[in-house]
Amino acid sequence: MFSFTKEEITVLKKLNCPKKIQDFLNNIPTNYEKDGDTVLSPRMVLKQNRAHCIEGALLAAAALRFHGHPPLIVDLSAAKNDYDHVIAVFKRKGRWGAISKTNHAVLRYREPVYKTIRELVMSYFHEYFANDNCKKTLRSYSLPVDLSRFDKQGWMTAEKDPWYIPEYLVKIPHKQILTRSQIAFLRKADPIEKKAGSILEWESC
């Protein structure tokens, strides 16, 4: 199925619900990209046992697809002084949820209780801040991207990094969530929030 190996199919069969996919991602060490920037395909994440946010989102989308769901991701765009984040999204009984690979205590899994993608995205807003200055940085988001559009490039089982996916995410329209006056009025995260934000799930070796 989808050119996966027997070993990969064995793993994917076990990931038959979003909760199990999230647990699996949490147990994969963070990809610190020590040899340079990467965008590992789902196959390479399983092979190398490491992932950062977009790599985790791609694996989650592939696992969701394996079990009959569309492989959807959403790009969360941040201000210039912070990093974007990518999540895999899914629907259950008409409500949106999200699977997220992160090395921090925040920006994690979301239960499928949100009516719209915007509502889901906004659940990340207060947790999305830069730890150096505590300024809230989430600015926009994409609508769900169906990764089946990249099937001809073999995104799920590629040996080479599918850079065309993040390149596509940068180009597509994003919906702004704040006005300039709202940005100017934002309050910084509290010291206790900064402390929580500094907790790492996986330390760099």
N, C-alpha and C. Protein backbone atom coordinates (compact mmCIF):
# COMPACT_ATOMS: atom_id res chain seq x y z
N MET A 1 0.84 -1.21 0.00
CA MET A 1 0.00 0.00 0.00
C MET A 1 0.87 1.25 0.00
N PHE A 2 0.64 2.14 -0.97
CA PHE A 2 1.39 3.39 -1.10
C PHE A 2 2.90 3.16 -1.15
N SER A 3 3.33 1.97 -1.59
CA SER A 3 4.75 1.62 -1.73
C SER A 3 5.48 1.52 -0.40
N PHE A 4 4.76 1.35 0.69
CA PHE A 4 5.41 1.13 1.98
C PHE A 4 5.97 -0.29 2.05
N THR A 5 7.03 -0.45 2.80
CA THR A 5 7.60 -1.77 3.03
C THR A 5 6.76 -2.53 4.06
N LYS A 6 7.01 -3.83 4.18
CA LYS A 6 6.29 -4.63 5.18
C LYS A 6 6.53 -4.10 6.59
N GLU A 7 7.77 -3.69 6.84
CA GLU A 7 8.11 -3.17 8.17
C GLU A 7 7.35 -1.87 8.45
N GLU A 8 7.29 -1.00 7.45
CA GLU A 8 6.56 0.27 7.61
C GLU A 8 5.08 0.03 7.81
N ILE A 9 4.52 -0.91 7.05
CA ILE A 9 3.10 -1.24 7.19
C ILE A 9 2.80 -1.77 8.58
N THR A 10 3.70 -2.56 9.12
CA THR A 10 3.52 -3.09 10.47
C THR A 10 3.40 -1.96 11.49
N VAL A 11 4.24 -0.94 11.34
CA VAL A 11 4.18 0.22 12.24
C VAL A 11 2.90 1.00 12.02
N LEU A 12 2.58 1.30 10.77
CA LEU A 12 1.41 2.13 10.46
C LEU A 12 0.10 1.47 10.87
N LYS A 13 0.03 0.16 10.78
CA LYS A 13 -1.19 -0.54 11.19
C LYS A 13 -1.52 -0.28 12.65
N LYS A 14 -0.49 -0.16 13.46
CA LYS A 14 -0.69 0.08 14.89
C LYS A 14 -1.16 1.50 15.19
N LEU A 15 -0.88 2.42 14.28
CA LEU A 15 -1.22 3.83 14.50
C LEU A 15 -2.60 4.12 13.93
N ASN A 16 -3.61 3.45 14.49
CA ASN A 16 -4.95 3.46 13.89
C ASN A 16 -5.89 4.51 14.46
N CYS A 17 -5.35 5.46 15.23
CA CYS A 17 -6.16 6.59 15.70
C CYS A 17 -5.23 7.75 16.04
N PRO A 18 -5.74 8.98 16.02
CA PRO A 18 -4.88 10.15 16.28
C PRO A 18 -4.13 10.08 17.59
N LYS A 19 -4.75 9.55 18.64
CA LYS A 19 -4.08 9.48 19.94
C LYS A 19 -2.84 8.60 19.86
N LYS A 20 -2.94 7.48 19.18
CA LYS A 20 -1.79 6.58 19.05
C LYS A 20 -0.70 7.20 18.18
N ILE A 21 -1.11 7.93 17.16
CA ILE A 21 -0.13 8.62 16.31
C ILE A 21 0.64 9.65 17.13
N GLN A 22 -0.10 10.42 17.95
CA GLN A 22 0.56 11.42 18.78
C GLN A 22 1.52 10.78 19.77
N ASP A 23 1.10 9.71 20.41
CA ASP A 23 1.97 9.01 21.36
C ASP A 23 3.24 8.51 20.66
N PHE A 24 3.08 8.00 19.45
CA PHE A 24 4.22 7.50 18.69
C PHE A 24 5.19 8.64 18.37
N LEU A 25 4.65 9.79 17.94
CA LEU A 25 5.51 10.94 17.64
C LEU A 25 6.24 11.43 18.88
N ASN A 26 5.56 11.42 20.01
CA ASN A 26 6.20 11.87 21.25
C ASN A 26 7.41 11.02 21.61
N ASN A 27 7.38 9.76 21.21
CA ASN A 27 8.46 8.84 21.53
C ASN A 27 9.59 8.86 20.51
N ILE A 28 9.45 9.64 19.47
CA ILE A 28 10.53 9.82 18.50
C ILE A 28 11.40 10.99 18.93
N PRO A 29 12.70 10.81 19.07
CA PRO A 29 13.57 11.92 19.47
C PRO A 29 13.48 13.11 18.51
N THR A 30 13.70 14.28 19.05
CA THR A 30 13.69 15.49 18.23
C THR A 30 14.87 15.51 17.26
N ASN A 31 14.59 15.90 16.05
CA ASN A 31 15.63 16.05 15.03
C ASN A 31 16.28 17.43 15.20
N TYR A 32 17.49 17.45 15.71
CA TYR A 32 18.21 18.71 15.92
C TYR A 32 18.98 19.16 14.67
N GLU A 33 18.86 18.42 13.58
CA GLU A 33 19.47 18.81 12.30
C GLU A 33 20.96 19.15 12.44
N LYS A 34 21.71 18.27 13.10
CA LYS A 34 23.12 18.55 13.37
C LYS A 34 23.98 18.61 12.11
N ASP A 35 23.51 17.96 11.05
CA ASP A 35 24.27 17.96 9.79
C ASP A 35 23.65 18.89 8.74
N GLY A 36 22.76 19.79 9.17
CA GLY A 36 22.12 20.71 8.24
C GLY A 36 20.61 20.51 8.20
N ASP A 37 19.92 21.48 7.60
CA ASP A 37 18.46 21.47 7.55
C ASP A 37 17.93 20.23 6.83
N THR A 38 16.84 19.71 7.35
CA THR A 38 16.22 18.53 6.75
C THR A 38 14.71 18.69 6.67
N VAL A 39 14.11 17.94 5.75
CA VAL A 39 12.67 17.72 5.72
C VAL A 39 12.51 16.23 5.42
N LEU A 40 12.58 15.42 6.45
CA LEU A 40 12.54 13.98 6.26
C LEU A 40 11.14 13.52 5.87
N SER A 41 11.07 12.61 4.92
CA SER A 41 9.79 12.02 4.54
C SER A 41 9.35 11.06 5.64
N PRO A 42 8.08 10.64 5.64
CA PRO A 42 7.64 9.65 6.63
C PRO A 42 8.53 8.41 6.66
N ARG A 43 8.94 7.93 5.49
CA ARG A 43 9.83 6.76 5.46
C ARG A 43 11.13 7.04 6.20
N MET A 44 11.73 8.19 5.97
CA MET A 44 13.01 8.49 6.56
C MET A 44 12.90 8.80 8.06
N VAL A 45 11.75 9.33 8.48
CA VAL A 45 11.53 9.52 9.92
C VAL A 45 11.53 8.16 10.61
N LEU A 46 10.83 7.20 10.03
CA LEU A 46 10.80 5.86 10.62
C LEU A 46 12.18 5.21 10.58
N LYS A 47 12.91 5.43 9.51
CA LYS A 47 14.22 4.82 9.36
C LYS A 47 15.24 5.43 10.31
N GLN A 48 15.22 6.77 10.43
CA GLN A 48 16.23 7.46 11.24
C GLN A 48 15.78 7.70 12.68
N ASN A 49 14.50 7.51 12.95
CA ASN A 49 13.95 7.69 14.29
C ASN A 49 14.27 9.07 14.85
N ARG A 50 13.93 10.09 14.09
CA ARG A 50 14.07 11.48 14.54
C ARG A 50 13.11 12.34 13.71
N ALA A 51 12.66 13.45 14.30
CA ALA A 51 11.72 14.32 13.58
C ALA A 51 11.62 15.67 14.26
N HIS A 52 11.44 16.71 13.46
CA HIS A 52 11.00 18.00 13.99
C HIS A 52 9.58 18.24 13.50
N CYS A 53 9.06 19.45 13.64
CA CYS A 53 7.61 19.65 13.52
C CYS A 53 7.03 19.24 12.17
N ILE A 54 7.60 19.73 11.06
CA ILE A 54 7.00 19.39 9.77
C ILE A 54 7.20 17.91 9.45
N GLU A 55 8.32 17.35 9.87
CA GLU A 55 8.56 15.92 9.64
C GLU A 55 7.56 15.07 10.41
N GLY A 56 7.27 15.49 11.64
CA GLY A 56 6.26 14.79 12.42
C GLY A 56 4.88 14.93 11.81
N ALA A 57 4.58 16.13 11.30
CA ALA A 57 3.28 16.36 10.66
C ALA A 57 3.12 15.50 9.42
N LEU A 58 4.19 15.33 8.64
CA LEU A 58 4.12 14.50 7.44
C LEU A 58 3.89 13.04 7.81
N LEU A 59 4.59 12.57 8.84
CA LEU A 59 4.38 11.19 9.27
C LEU A 59 2.97 11.00 9.79
N ALA A 60 2.47 11.95 10.57
CA ALA A 60 1.11 11.87 11.10
C ALA A 60 0.09 11.85 9.96
N ALA A 61 0.30 12.70 8.96
CA ALA A 61 -0.61 12.74 7.82
C ALA A 61 -0.60 11.42 7.06
N ALA A 62 0.58 10.83 6.90
CA ALA A 62 0.69 9.54 6.22
C ALA A 62 -0.02 8.45 7.01
N ALA A 63 0.13 8.46 8.33
CA ALA A 63 -0.54 7.46 9.17
C ALA A 63 -2.06 7.63 9.13
N LEU A 64 -2.51 8.87 9.17
CA LEU A 64 -3.95 9.13 9.05
C LEU A 64 -4.47 8.61 7.72
N ARG A 65 -3.73 8.86 6.65
CA ARG A 65 -4.14 8.41 5.33
C ARG A 65 -4.19 6.89 5.25
N PHE A 66 -3.24 6.24 5.86
CA PHE A 66 -3.17 4.77 5.86
C PHE A 66 -4.46 4.18 6.41
N HIS A 67 -5.10 4.92 7.32
CA HIS A 67 -6.33 4.45 7.96
C HIS A 67 -7.57 5.15 7.42
N GLY A 68 -7.47 5.71 6.22
CA GLY A 68 -8.65 6.20 5.53
C GLY A 68 -8.98 7.67 5.66
N HIS A 69 -8.14 8.43 6.35
CA HIS A 69 -8.36 9.87 6.48
C HIS A 69 -7.57 10.63 5.41
N PRO A 70 -8.02 11.81 5.01
CA PRO A 70 -7.21 12.60 4.09
C PRO A 70 -5.93 13.08 4.78
N PRO A 71 -4.80 13.13 4.08
CA PRO A 71 -3.53 13.57 4.69
C PRO A 71 -3.43 15.09 4.68
N LEU A 72 -3.91 15.71 5.73
CA LEU A 72 -4.02 17.18 5.78
C LEU A 72 -3.02 17.79 6.76
N ILE A 73 -2.38 18.87 6.35
CA ILE A 73 -1.52 19.64 7.25
C ILE A 73 -1.91 21.11 7.18
N VAL A 74 -1.60 21.83 8.24
CA VAL A 74 -1.85 23.27 8.32
C VAL A 74 -0.56 23.96 8.74
N ASP A 75 -0.24 25.04 8.07
CA ASP A 75 0.95 25.82 8.40
C ASP A 75 0.58 26.98 9.30
N LEU A 76 1.23 27.08 10.45
CA LEU A 76 1.05 28.21 11.36
C LEU A 76 2.24 29.13 11.15
N SER A 77 1.97 30.36 10.76
CA SER A 77 3.03 31.30 10.42
C SER A 77 3.26 32.28 11.57
N ALA A 78 4.53 32.46 11.91
CA ALA A 78 4.90 33.31 13.04
C ALA A 78 5.54 34.62 12.57
N ALA A 79 5.70 35.54 13.51
CA ALA A 79 6.43 36.78 13.24
C ALA A 79 7.89 36.45 12.93
N LYS A 80 8.61 37.43 12.40
CA LYS A 80 9.96 37.20 11.91
C LYS A 80 10.94 36.69 12.97
N ASN A 81 10.68 37.03 14.23
CA ASN A 81 11.62 36.63 15.29
C ASN A 81 11.31 35.25 15.87
N ASP A 82 10.40 34.50 15.22
CA ASP A 82 10.05 33.17 15.73
C ASP A 82 9.89 32.21 14.56
N TYR A 83 9.67 30.94 14.88
CA TYR A 83 9.58 29.90 13.87
C TYR A 83 8.13 29.55 13.54
N ASP A 84 7.89 29.19 12.29
CA ASP A 84 6.60 28.66 11.90
C ASP A 84 6.44 27.26 12.50
N HIS A 85 5.20 26.78 12.49
CA HIS A 85 4.92 25.44 13.01
C HIS A 85 3.94 24.76 12.07
N VAL A 86 4.08 23.46 11.88
CA VAL A 86 3.20 22.71 10.99
C VAL A 86 2.53 21.59 11.79
N ILE A 87 1.23 21.45 11.61
CA ILE A 87 0.46 20.42 12.31
C ILE A 87 -0.30 19.57 11.30
N ALA A 88 -0.56 18.32 11.67
CA ALA A 88 -1.47 17.48 10.89
C ALA A 88 -2.85 17.63 11.52
N VAL A 89 -3.87 17.80 10.69
CA VAL A 89 -5.22 18.00 11.23
C VAL A 89 -6.14 16.87 10.78
N PHE A 90 -7.15 16.61 11.58
CA PHE A 90 -8.10 15.54 11.30
C PHE A 90 -9.47 15.94 11.84
N LYS A 91 -10.49 15.26 11.34
CA LYS A 91 -11.84 15.52 11.79
C LYS A 91 -12.45 14.29 12.43
N ARG A 92 -13.20 14.52 13.51
CA ARG A 92 -13.97 13.44 14.14
C ARG A 92 -15.33 13.99 14.52
N LYS A 93 -16.35 13.40 13.95
CA LYS A 93 -17.74 13.81 14.19
C LYS A 93 -17.92 15.31 13.94
N GLY A 94 -17.33 15.78 12.84
CA GLY A 94 -17.51 17.17 12.44
C GLY A 94 -16.67 18.19 13.16
N ARG A 95 -15.75 17.74 14.01
CA ARG A 95 -14.90 18.66 14.76
C ARG A 95 -13.43 18.41 14.41
N TRP A 96 -12.66 19.50 14.38
CA TRP A 96 -11.25 19.43 14.02
C TRP A 96 -10.36 19.19 15.24
N GLY A 97 -9.33 18.38 15.05
CA GLY A 97 -8.28 18.19 16.04
C GLY A 97 -6.94 18.25 15.34
N ALA A 98 -5.85 18.17 16.11
CA ALA A 98 -4.51 18.29 15.51
C ALA A 98 -3.51 17.38 16.20
N ILE A 99 -2.58 16.89 15.40
CA ILE A 99 -1.43 16.12 15.87
C ILE A 99 -0.20 16.99 15.64
N SER A 100 0.65 17.10 16.64
CA SER A 100 1.76 18.05 16.57
C SER A 100 3.04 17.47 17.16
N LYS A 101 4.13 17.59 16.42
CA LYS A 101 5.44 17.19 16.93
C LYS A 101 6.18 18.44 17.37
N THR A 102 6.44 18.53 18.67
CA THR A 102 7.18 19.66 19.20
C THR A 102 8.07 19.16 20.33
N ASN A 103 9.13 19.90 20.59
CA ASN A 103 10.05 19.52 21.66
C ASN A 103 9.77 20.29 22.94
N HIS A 104 8.71 21.07 22.94
CA HIS A 104 8.41 21.94 24.08
C HIS A 104 7.11 21.52 24.76
N ALA A 105 6.82 22.16 25.86
CA ALA A 105 5.64 21.81 26.66
C ALA A 105 4.35 22.33 26.04
N VAL A 106 4.47 23.16 25.02
CA VAL A 106 3.29 23.78 24.41
C VAL A 106 3.24 23.46 22.92
N LEU A 107 2.21 23.96 22.24
CA LEU A 107 1.98 23.73 20.81
C LEU A 107 1.85 22.25 20.50
N ARG A 108 1.09 21.55 21.31
CA ARG A 108 1.02 20.09 21.22
C ARG A 108 -0.32 19.61 20.64
N TYR A 109 -0.70 18.39 20.93
CA TYR A 109 -1.92 17.76 20.44
C TYR A 109 -3.16 18.58 20.80
N ARG A 110 -4.13 18.57 19.92
CA ARG A 110 -5.41 19.21 20.18
C ARG A 110 -6.53 18.20 19.99
N GLU A 111 -7.41 18.13 20.98
CA GLU A 111 -8.55 17.23 20.89
C GLU A 111 -9.49 17.68 19.77
N PRO A 112 -10.21 16.75 19.13
CA PRO A 112 -11.12 17.13 18.04
C PRO A 112 -12.43 17.72 18.58
N VAL A 113 -12.34 18.96 19.03
CA VAL A 113 -13.51 19.65 19.61
C VAL A 113 -13.75 21.01 18.95
N TYR A 114 -12.99 21.35 17.91
CA TYR A 114 -13.05 22.68 17.31
C TYR A 114 -13.90 22.68 16.04
N LYS A 115 -14.79 23.64 15.94
CA LYS A 115 -15.74 23.70 14.82
C LYS A 115 -15.06 24.07 13.51
N THR A 116 -14.06 24.93 13.56
CA THR A 116 -13.41 25.43 12.35
C THR A 116 -11.89 25.35 12.51
N ILE A 117 -11.20 25.46 11.38
CA ILE A 117 -9.74 25.50 11.41
C ILE A 117 -9.26 26.74 12.15
N ARG A 118 -9.91 27.87 11.96
CA ARG A 118 -9.51 29.08 12.68
C ARG A 118 -9.63 28.87 14.19
N GLU A 119 -10.72 28.26 14.61
CA GLU A 119 -10.92 28.01 16.03
C GLU A 119 -9.80 27.11 16.57
N LEU A 120 -9.44 26.10 15.79
CA LEU A 120 -8.35 25.22 16.18
C LEU A 120 -7.04 25.99 16.27
N VAL A 121 -6.74 26.78 15.25
CA VAL A 121 -5.50 27.56 15.23
C VAL A 121 -5.42 28.51 16.41
N MET A 122 -6.52 29.17 16.73
CA MET A 122 -6.51 30.14 17.81
C MET A 122 -6.28 29.49 19.18
N SER A 123 -6.49 28.17 19.27
CA SER A 123 -6.20 27.49 20.53
C SER A 123 -4.70 27.49 20.83
N TYR A 124 -3.89 27.74 19.80
CA TYR A 124 -2.44 27.82 19.98
C TYR A 124 -1.95 29.24 20.27
N PHE A 125 -2.81 30.22 20.15
CA PHE A 125 -2.34 31.61 20.15
C PHE A 125 -1.57 32.02 21.40
N HIS A 126 -2.13 31.81 22.57
CA HIS A 126 -1.50 32.30 23.80
C HIS A 126 -0.23 31.53 24.16
N GLU A 127 -0.12 30.29 23.67
CA GLU A 127 1.08 29.51 23.95
C GLU A 127 2.19 29.80 22.95
N TYR A 128 1.88 30.47 21.89
CA TYR A 128 2.82 30.68 20.78
C TYR A 128 3.58 31.98 21.02
N PHE A 129 4.71 31.89 21.72
CA PHE A 129 5.51 33.09 21.98
C PHE A 129 6.99 32.76 21.89
N ALA A 130 7.79 33.79 21.63
CA ALA A 130 9.24 33.63 21.53
C ALA A 130 9.83 33.65 22.94
N ASN A 131 10.62 32.67 23.28
CA ASN A 131 11.13 32.56 24.64
C ASN A 131 12.16 33.63 24.98
N ASP A 132 12.78 34.24 23.97
CA ASP A 132 13.79 35.25 24.28
C ASP A 132 13.19 36.57 24.75
N ASN A 133 12.01 36.92 24.21
CA ASN A 133 11.41 38.20 24.62
C ASN A 133 9.97 38.06 25.10
N CYS A 134 9.44 36.84 25.08
CA CYS A 134 8.09 36.53 25.58
C CYS A 134 6.96 37.20 24.80
N LYS A 135 7.25 37.68 23.59
CA LYS A 135 6.21 38.28 22.76
C LYS A 135 5.44 37.19 22.02
N LYS A 136 4.11 37.33 22.00
CA LYS A 136 3.27 36.38 21.28
C LYS A 136 3.46 36.60 19.78
N THR A 137 3.65 35.51 19.03
CA THR A 137 4.15 35.65 17.66
C THR A 137 3.29 35.00 16.57
N LEU A 138 2.24 34.28 16.92
CA LEU A 138 1.42 33.66 15.88
C LEU A 138 0.69 34.74 15.09
N ARG A 139 0.82 34.69 13.76
CA ARG A 139 0.28 35.76 12.92
C ARG A 139 -0.72 35.29 11.87
N SER A 140 -0.55 34.10 11.33
CA SER A 140 -1.44 33.66 10.26
C SER A 140 -1.42 32.14 10.14
N TYR A 141 -2.31 31.63 9.32
CA TYR A 141 -2.38 30.19 9.12
C TYR A 141 -2.88 29.88 7.72
N SER A 142 -2.53 28.71 7.23
CA SER A 142 -3.04 28.26 5.93
C SER A 142 -4.30 27.43 6.15
N LEU A 143 -5.09 27.30 5.13
CA LEU A 143 -6.16 26.31 5.16
C LEU A 143 -5.51 24.93 5.01
N PRO A 144 -6.22 23.86 5.36
CA PRO A 144 -5.62 22.54 5.25
C PRO A 144 -5.11 22.23 3.85
N VAL A 145 -3.91 21.69 3.78
CA VAL A 145 -3.30 21.29 2.52
C VAL A 145 -3.36 19.77 2.43
N ASP A 146 -3.99 19.27 1.37
CA ASP A 146 -4.09 17.84 1.14
C ASP A 146 -2.80 17.36 0.47
N LEU A 147 -2.02 16.58 1.19
CA LEU A 147 -0.71 16.17 0.70
C LEU A 147 -0.78 15.17 -0.46
N SER A 148 -1.97 14.69 -0.76
CA SER A 148 -2.10 13.80 -1.92
C SER A 148 -1.74 14.53 -3.22
N ARG A 149 -1.71 15.85 -3.20
CA ARG A 149 -1.30 16.62 -4.36
C ARG A 149 0.17 16.35 -4.70
N PHE A 150 0.92 15.81 -3.76
CA PHE A 150 2.34 15.51 -3.98
C PHE A 150 2.60 14.01 -4.19
N ASP A 151 1.56 13.26 -4.46
CA ASP A 151 1.73 11.82 -4.62
C ASP A 151 2.68 11.45 -5.76
N LYS A 152 2.64 12.21 -6.84
CA LYS A 152 3.51 11.90 -7.98
C LYS A 152 4.99 12.04 -7.61
N GLN A 153 5.28 12.90 -6.63
CA GLN A 153 6.66 13.05 -6.18
C GLN A 153 7.04 12.02 -5.12
N GLY A 154 6.06 11.23 -4.68
CA GLY A 154 6.35 10.17 -3.72
C GLY A 154 6.70 10.67 -2.33
N TRP A 155 5.98 11.67 -1.85
CA TRP A 155 6.34 12.34 -0.59
C TRP A 155 6.38 11.40 0.62
N MET A 156 5.58 10.35 0.62
CA MET A 156 5.52 9.48 1.80
C MET A 156 6.72 8.55 1.92
N THR A 157 7.29 8.16 0.80
CA THR A 157 8.37 7.18 0.82
C THR A 157 9.66 7.67 0.19
N ALA A 158 9.78 8.98 0.02
CA ALA A 158 10.96 9.55 -0.63
C ALA A 158 12.22 9.33 0.20
N GLU A 159 13.31 9.00 -0.48
CA GLU A 159 14.61 8.89 0.18
C GLU A 159 15.24 10.27 0.34
N LYS A 160 14.97 11.15 -0.61
CA LYS A 160 15.46 12.52 -0.55
C LYS A 160 14.42 13.42 0.12
N ASP A 161 14.89 14.46 0.75
CA ASP A 161 14.00 15.37 1.48
C ASP A 161 13.00 16.04 0.53
N PRO A 162 11.70 15.97 0.83
CA PRO A 162 10.69 16.62 -0.01
C PRO A 162 10.57 18.12 0.27
N TRP A 163 11.59 18.85 -0.11
CA TRP A 163 11.61 20.29 0.15
C TRP A 163 10.46 21.02 -0.54
N TYR A 164 9.89 20.40 -1.57
CA TYR A 164 8.80 21.04 -2.29
C TYR A 164 7.57 21.27 -1.41
N ILE A 165 7.47 20.53 -0.31
CA ILE A 165 6.30 20.73 0.57
C ILE A 165 6.42 22.03 1.37
N PRO A 166 7.51 22.26 2.13
CA PRO A 166 7.62 23.57 2.81
C PRO A 166 7.68 24.73 1.83
N GLU A 167 8.26 24.53 0.66
CA GLU A 167 8.29 25.59 -0.35
C GLU A 167 6.87 25.94 -0.80
N TYR A 168 6.04 24.93 -0.91
CA TYR A 168 4.63 25.17 -1.27
C TYR A 168 3.90 25.91 -0.14
N LEU A 169 4.15 25.51 1.10
CA LEU A 169 3.49 26.14 2.24
C LEU A 169 3.82 27.63 2.33
N VAL A 170 5.03 27.99 1.98
CA VAL A 170 5.43 29.40 2.02
C VAL A 170 4.68 30.23 0.98
N LYS A 171 4.37 29.61 -0.15
CA LYS A 171 3.78 30.34 -1.27
C LYS A 171 2.27 30.51 -1.18
N ILE A 172 1.58 29.58 -0.54
CA ILE A 172 0.12 29.62 -0.56
C ILE A 172 -0.42 30.73 0.35
N PRO A 173 -1.65 31.18 0.09
CA PRO A 173 -2.25 32.24 0.92
C PRO A 173 -2.40 31.79 2.37
N HIS A 174 -2.21 32.73 3.26
CA HIS A 174 -2.43 32.51 4.68
C HIS A 174 -3.44 33.54 5.18
N LYS A 175 -4.24 33.13 6.14
CA LYS A 175 -5.24 34.02 6.72
C LYS A 175 -4.64 34.72 7.94
N GLN A 176 -4.65 36.04 7.91
CA GLN A 176 -4.14 36.82 9.02
C GLN A 176 -5.10 36.74 10.21
N ILE A 177 -4.56 36.70 11.41
CA ILE A 177 -5.42 36.58 12.59
C ILE A 177 -5.41 37.82 13.47
N LEU A 178 -4.52 38.79 13.16
CA LEU A 178 -4.42 39.99 13.98
C LEU A 178 -4.32 41.24 13.11
N THR A 179 -4.84 42.34 13.64
CA THR A 179 -4.61 43.64 13.02
C THR A 179 -3.37 44.27 13.65
N ARG A 180 -2.87 45.34 13.06
CA ARG A 180 -1.69 46.01 13.62
C ARG A 180 -1.97 46.53 15.02
N SER A 181 -3.16 47.05 15.22
CA SER A 181 -3.49 47.59 16.55
C SER A 181 -3.57 46.47 17.59
N GLN A 182 -4.05 45.31 17.18
CA GLN A 182 -4.09 44.17 18.09
C GLN A 182 -2.68 43.70 18.45
N ILE A 183 -1.81 43.69 17.45
CA ILE A 183 -0.42 43.30 17.71
C ILE A 183 0.24 44.25 18.69
N ALA A 184 0.00 45.55 18.51
CA ALA A 184 0.61 46.56 19.38
C ALA A 184 0.10 46.44 20.82
N PHE A 185 -1.09 45.90 20.99
CA PHE A 185 -1.72 45.83 22.31
C PHE A 185 -1.43 44.51 23.03
N LEU A 186 -0.73 43.60 22.39
CA LEU A 186 -0.49 42.28 22.99
C LEU A 186 0.35 42.37 24.26
N ARG A 187 -0.02 41.58 25.24
CA ARG A 187 0.74 41.47 26.48
C ARG A 187 1.72 40.31 26.36
N LYS A 188 2.90 40.46 26.93
CA LYS A 188 3.91 39.42 26.89
C LYS A 188 3.51 38.24 27.78
N ALA A 189 4.08 37.09 27.47
CA ALA A 189 3.85 35.92 28.32
C ALA A 189 4.45 36.15 29.70
N ASP A 190 3.83 35.55 30.71
CA ASP A 190 4.32 35.68 32.08
C ASP A 190 5.61 34.89 32.28
N PRO A 191 6.40 35.24 33.31
CA PRO A 191 7.63 34.49 33.60
C PRO A 191 7.38 33.00 33.81
N ILE A 192 6.26 32.64 34.44
CA ILE A 192 5.96 31.23 34.67
C ILE A 192 5.68 30.53 33.34
N GLU A 193 5.08 31.25 32.39
CA GLU A 193 4.84 30.69 31.07
C GLU A 193 6.16 30.50 30.31
N LYS A 194 7.07 31.47 30.47
CA LYS A 194 8.39 31.35 29.86
C LYS A 194 9.12 30.14 30.41
N LYS A 195 9.01 29.94 31.72
CA LYS A 195 9.68 28.80 32.34
C LYS A 195 9.12 27.49 31.80
N ALA A 196 7.79 27.41 31.67
CA ALA A 196 7.16 26.20 31.12
C ALA A 196 7.57 26.01 29.67
N GLY A 197 7.69 27.12 28.92
CA GLY A 197 8.07 27.05 27.52
C GLY A 197 9.49 26.59 27.29
N SER A 198 10.32 26.70 28.32
CA SER A 198 11.72 26.31 28.19
C SER A 198 11.96 24.82 28.45
N ILE A 199 10.92 24.11 28.91
CA ILE A 199 11.06 22.68 29.18
C ILE A 199 11.19 21.93 27.85
N LEU A 200 12.17 21.06 27.76
CA LEU A 200 12.40 20.27 26.55
C LEU A 200 12.03 18.80 26.79
N GLU A 201 11.38 18.22 25.82
CA GLU A 201 11.06 16.79 25.91
C GLU A 201 12.28 15.94 25.58
N TRP A 202 13.08 16.41 24.61
CA TRP A 202 14.28 15.70 24.18
C TRP A 202 15.48 16.64 24.20
N GLU A 203 16.47 16.34 25.01
CA GLU A 203 17.69 17.13 25.06
C GLU A 203 18.60 16.78 23.89
N SER A 204 19.35 17.77 23.43
CA SER A 204 20.31 17.52 22.34
C SER A 204 21.46 16.68 22.86
N CYS A 205 21.81 15.63 22.12
CA CYS A 205 22.90 14.75 22.55
C CYS A 205 24.23 15.27 22.06
